[in-house]
């Protein structure tokens, strides 16, 4: 982990600690790791965490797990330099800086939810229009084929795929309700889990009426679930 990335991750952890009103000890406990290990991750001194650890930490910080994955892995289809990523769940439009979106919450099926093999479930995200432009004619589009989460053991090493199993969904795209500045909107997708035990994900982005991405690859919606028999 380079110095700039380390500083960015340290800043993210410190900021979310302040925003949530929780000390690092409490966040570490929620993530199932020690306070020392959390400090080590933020400082770039600890070994690279597992995908499951990153998912738990993201849940404790209430941020997207993919945001944390970018500090420790390369994402095909996204900028290679983690320092260029937005370090919040807020994004400005690619072509219009007055078009601002923010991810508020996983309304249903939070990350790391355990689902049964073959189970059909619904994922609902809440995003909010914090810009000055109304959202009209927008769609949520599945882009699983453009993203593979992979890890590189060293800067010159080969990419090792960490997660490339995707959830089946009823639709590959769906409309987003027209949303005025300041308004939140819920977006729901029906998924079907694989029949084998695994950790599985699906990645979605927001596009305009012409089918162009509204925001950069750092702002995507996703679902990550653990499939296992209870």
Protein backbone atom coordinates (compact mmCIF):
# COMPACT_ATOMS: atom_id res chain seq x y z
CA UNK A 1 0.00 0.00 0.00
CA UNK A 2 1.58 3.32 -0.98
CA UNK A 3 1.78 6.32 1.35
CA UNK A 4 -0.93 8.32 -0.37
CA UNK A 5 -3.42 5.44 -0.33
CA UNK A 6 -2.57 4.72 3.31
CA UNK A 7 -3.25 8.36 4.24
CA UNK A 8 -6.56 8.27 2.35
CA UNK A 9 -7.69 5.12 4.17
CA UNK A 10 -6.63 6.55 7.53
CA UNK A 11 -8.63 9.70 6.77
CA UNK A 12 -11.69 7.68 5.76
CA UNK A 13 -11.66 5.64 8.98
CA UNK A 14 -11.17 8.76 11.12
CA UNK A 15 -13.91 10.68 9.31
CA UNK A 16 -16.46 7.87 9.59
CA UNK A 17 -15.59 7.48 13.28
CA UNK A 18 -16.48 11.16 13.80
CA UNK A 19 -19.61 11.06 11.63
CA UNK A 20 -20.98 7.94 13.33
CA UNK A 21 -20.01 9.14 16.80
CA UNK A 22 -18.24 5.85 17.48
CA UNK A 23 -14.67 5.36 18.78
CA UNK A 24 -12.33 3.15 16.79
CA UNK A 25 -12.59 0.49 19.48
CA UNK A 26 -16.35 0.20 18.86
CA UNK A 27 -15.90 0.13 15.07
CA UNK A 28 -13.26 -2.58 15.35
CA UNK A 29 -15.53 -4.67 17.57
CA UNK A 30 -18.42 -4.36 15.08
CA UNK A 31 -16.06 -5.44 12.30
CA UNK A 32 -14.89 -8.44 14.32
CA UNK A 33 -11.26 -7.29 14.41
CA UNK A 34 -9.00 -5.85 17.10
CA UNK A 35 -8.43 -2.12 17.52
CA UNK A 36 -4.72 -2.73 16.90
CA UNK A 37 -5.46 -4.50 13.60
CA UNK A 38 -7.77 -1.66 12.51
CA UNK A 39 -5.03 0.87 13.27
CA UNK A 40 -2.60 -1.30 11.33
CA UNK A 41 -4.87 -1.43 8.28
CA UNK A 42 -5.33 2.34 8.32
CA UNK A 43 -1.57 2.85 8.67
CA UNK A 44 -0.66 0.32 5.99
CA UNK A 45 1.21 -1.86 8.52
CA UNK A 46 -1.13 -4.88 8.72
CA UNK A 47 -1.27 -7.69 6.19
CA UNK A 48 -3.90 -7.41 3.47
CA UNK A 49 -7.29 -8.40 4.89
CA UNK A 50 -9.61 -11.04 3.51
CA UNK A 51 -12.67 -10.09 1.46
CA UNK A 52 -14.86 -11.15 4.40
CA UNK A 53 -12.94 -8.81 6.75
CA UNK A 54 -13.32 -5.90 4.34
CA UNK A 55 -17.06 -6.55 4.07
CA UNK A 56 -17.40 -6.56 7.87
CA UNK A 57 -15.34 -3.38 8.20
CA UNK A 58 -17.39 -1.64 5.50
CA UNK A 59 -20.57 -2.59 7.35
CA UNK A 60 -19.18 -1.11 10.58
CA UNK A 61 -18.12 2.09 8.77
CA UNK A 62 -21.43 2.13 6.84
CA UNK A 63 -19.72 2.54 3.49
CA UNK A 64 -19.67 0.45 0.32
CA UNK A 65 -17.39 -2.62 0.60
CA UNK A 66 -16.19 -1.86 -2.92
CA UNK A 67 -14.85 1.43 -1.57
CA UNK A 68 -12.55 -0.54 0.76
CA UNK A 69 -11.74 -3.19 -1.86
CA UNK A 70 -10.13 -0.43 -3.92
CA UNK A 71 -7.48 0.15 -1.28
CA UNK A 72 -6.33 -3.47 -1.43
CA UNK A 73 -7.26 -4.71 -4.90
CA UNK A 74 -7.47 -3.79 -8.54
CA UNK A 75 -10.95 -3.55 -10.06
CA UNK A 76 -11.09 -4.26 -13.77
CA UNK A 77 -13.20 -1.55 -15.36
CA UNK A 78 -12.31 1.07 -12.73
CA UNK A 79 -9.32 3.44 -12.47
CA UNK A 80 -6.19 1.53 -11.43
CA UNK A 81 -4.99 4.25 -9.06
CA UNK A 82 -6.88 4.00 -5.78
CA UNK A 83 -5.89 7.59 -5.00
CA UNK A 84 -8.11 8.78 -7.85
CA UNK A 85 -11.20 7.18 -6.28
CA UNK A 86 -13.80 9.24 -4.50
CA UNK A 87 -13.31 8.53 -0.79
CA UNK A 88 -16.96 9.10 0.07
CA UNK A 89 -20.33 7.79 -1.14
CA UNK A 90 -20.90 11.11 -2.92
CA UNK A 91 -20.29 11.77 -6.62
CA UNK A 92 -20.60 14.63 -9.09
CA UNK A 93 -21.76 14.06 -12.66
CA UNK A 94 -19.19 13.21 -15.32
CA UNK A 95 -20.47 15.99 -17.58
CA UNK A 96 -22.21 18.20 -15.03
CA UNK A 97 -20.69 19.08 -11.62
CA UNK A 98 -24.10 20.37 -10.50
CA UNK A 99 -25.48 16.83 -10.79
CA UNK A 100 -24.63 15.34 -7.39
CA UNK A 101 -25.67 11.95 -6.03
CA UNK A 102 -25.06 10.41 -2.62
CA UNK A 103 -25.59 6.84 -1.42
CA UNK A 104 -27.60 6.98 1.83
CA UNK A 105 -28.25 3.41 2.89
CA UNK A 106 -28.94 -0.23 2.13
CA UNK A 107 -32.66 -0.28 2.92
CA UNK A 108 -32.94 -4.06 2.58
CA UNK A 109 -30.40 -6.91 2.38
CA UNK A 110 -27.36 -5.18 3.88
CA UNK A 111 -23.98 -6.48 2.81
CA UNK A 112 -22.93 -9.85 4.21
CA UNK A 113 -26.55 -10.94 4.63
CA UNK A 114 -26.80 -14.74 4.68
CA UNK A 115 -29.27 -16.13 2.13
CA UNK A 116 -30.24 -19.71 1.35
CA UNK A 117 -29.03 -21.48 -1.80
CA UNK A 118 -31.46 -20.59 -4.60
CA UNK A 119 -33.28 -18.01 -2.44
CA UNK A 120 -35.02 -15.12 -4.21
CA UNK A 121 -34.62 -11.81 -2.39
CA UNK A 122 -34.91 -8.08 -2.97
CA UNK A 123 -32.15 -5.49 -2.61
CA UNK A 124 -33.19 -1.87 -2.09
CA UNK A 125 -30.76 1.05 -2.13
CA UNK A 126 -31.52 4.64 -1.14
CA UNK A 127 -29.70 7.37 -3.00
CA UNK A 128 -30.36 11.10 -2.85
CA UNK A 129 -30.20 13.95 -5.34
CA UNK A 130 -27.98 16.55 -3.64
CA UNK A 131 -27.37 18.57 -6.79
CA UNK A 132 -29.34 21.32 -8.49
CA UNK A 133 -30.51 19.23 -11.47
CA UNK A 134 -33.65 17.08 -11.45
CA UNK A 135 -33.13 13.44 -12.40
CA UNK A 136 -35.36 12.42 -15.29
CA UNK A 137 -35.32 9.32 -17.47
CA UNK A 138 -32.50 7.64 -15.56
CA UNK A 139 -31.97 3.91 -15.33
CA UNK A 140 -30.05 1.50 -13.12
CA UNK A 141 -28.04 -0.85 -15.34
CA UNK A 142 -26.28 -4.08 -14.42
CA UNK A 143 -22.54 -3.96 -15.22
CA UNK A 144 -21.24 -7.18 -13.65
CA UNK A 145 -19.35 -8.01 -16.83
CA UNK A 146 -17.26 -4.85 -16.53
CA UNK A 147 -16.04 -5.41 -12.96
CA UNK A 148 -13.88 -8.16 -11.53
CA UNK A 149 -12.48 -7.82 -8.01
CA UNK A 150 -8.86 -8.95 -8.04
CA UNK A 151 -5.81 -8.75 -5.78
CA UNK A 152 -2.20 -8.10 -6.77
CA UNK A 153 0.35 -9.64 -4.40
CA UNK A 154 2.95 -7.01 -5.33
CA UNK A 155 3.10 -4.02 -7.72
CA UNK A 156 4.67 -6.12 -10.50
CA UNK A 157 2.75 -9.33 -9.83
CA UNK A 158 -0.13 -10.98 -11.66
CA UNK A 159 -3.74 -10.22 -10.76
CA UNK A 160 -5.46 -12.90 -8.70
CA UNK A 161 -9.25 -12.87 -9.03
CA UNK A 162 -10.93 -12.60 -5.63
CA UNK A 163 -14.59 -12.52 -6.63
CA UNK A 164 -16.11 -13.08 -10.07
CA UNK A 165 -19.35 -14.95 -9.22
CA UNK A 166 -22.42 -12.87 -9.92
CA UNK A 167 -26.01 -13.00 -8.74
CA UNK A 168 -28.83 -13.67 -11.17
CA UNK A 169 -31.35 -10.83 -11.37
CA UNK A 170 -34.85 -10.63 -12.79
CA UNK A 171 -33.88 -7.61 -14.91
CA UNK A 172 -30.61 -6.26 -16.28
CA UNK A 173 -31.85 -2.66 -16.04
CA UNK A 174 -34.75 -0.79 -14.52
CA UNK A 175 -36.04 2.80 -14.46
CA UNK A 176 -35.28 5.21 -11.62
CA UNK A 177 -38.20 7.39 -10.57
CA UNK A 178 -37.88 11.08 -11.46
CA UNK A 179 -36.17 12.75 -8.52
CA UNK A 180 -36.05 16.48 -7.71
CA UNK A 181 -33.05 18.17 -6.06
CA UNK A 182 -32.94 17.27 -2.38
CA UNK A 183 -35.17 14.22 -2.74
CA UNK A 184 -34.16 10.64 -1.88
CA UNK A 185 -35.24 7.72 -4.05
CA UNK A 186 -35.41 3.96 -3.43
CA UNK A 187 -34.27 1.53 -6.14
CA UNK A 188 -35.10 -2.16 -5.80
CA UNK A 189 -33.84 -5.22 -7.70
CA UNK A 190 -34.96 -8.87 -7.38
CA UNK A 191 -32.10 -11.39 -7.17
CA UNK A 192 -31.79 -15.17 -7.02
CA UNK A 193 -28.87 -16.68 -5.11
CA UNK A 194 -26.75 -19.48 -6.59
CA UNK A 195 -27.46 -23.00 -5.35
CA UNK A 196 -23.91 -23.53 -4.07
CA UNK A 197 -22.29 -22.09 -0.95
CA UNK A 198 -20.32 -18.96 -1.85
CA UNK A 199 -19.94 -15.21 -1.44
CA UNK A 200 -21.47 -13.49 -4.44
CA UNK A 201 -21.96 -9.94 -5.72
CA UNK A 202 -23.66 -7.83 -8.36
CA UNK A 203 -22.65 -4.34 -9.53
CA UNK A 204 -24.91 -1.63 -11.01
CA UNK A 205 -24.45 1.91 -12.31
CA UNK A 206 -26.74 4.84 -13.07
CA UNK A 207 -27.16 5.88 -16.72
CA UNK A 208 -29.01 8.74 -18.39
CA UNK A 209 -31.68 8.68 -21.12
CA UNK A 210 -28.99 8.24 -23.79
CA UNK A 211 -27.46 5.26 -21.99
CA UNK A 212 -24.35 7.15 -20.83
CA UNK A 213 -23.00 6.72 -17.29
CA UNK A 214 -24.00 9.65 -15.10
CA UNK A 215 -21.09 9.25 -12.66
CA UNK A 216 -17.59 7.81 -12.69
CA UNK A 217 -16.80 4.16 -11.85
CA UNK A 218 -16.15 5.06 -8.20
CA UNK A 219 -19.92 5.57 -7.70
CA UNK A 220 -21.72 2.26 -8.21
CA UNK A 221 -24.47 0.39 -6.39
CA UNK A 222 -23.89 -3.22 -5.42
CA UNK A 223 -25.06 -6.17 -3.37
CA UNK A 224 -22.81 -8.71 -1.62
CA UNK A 225 -24.35 -11.74 0.10
CA UNK A 226 -23.13 -14.99 1.64
CA UNK A 227 -24.95 -18.08 0.33
CA UNK A 228 -25.11 -20.98 2.77
CA UNK A 229 -27.57 -23.50 4.13
CA UNK A 230 -28.71 -22.75 7.67
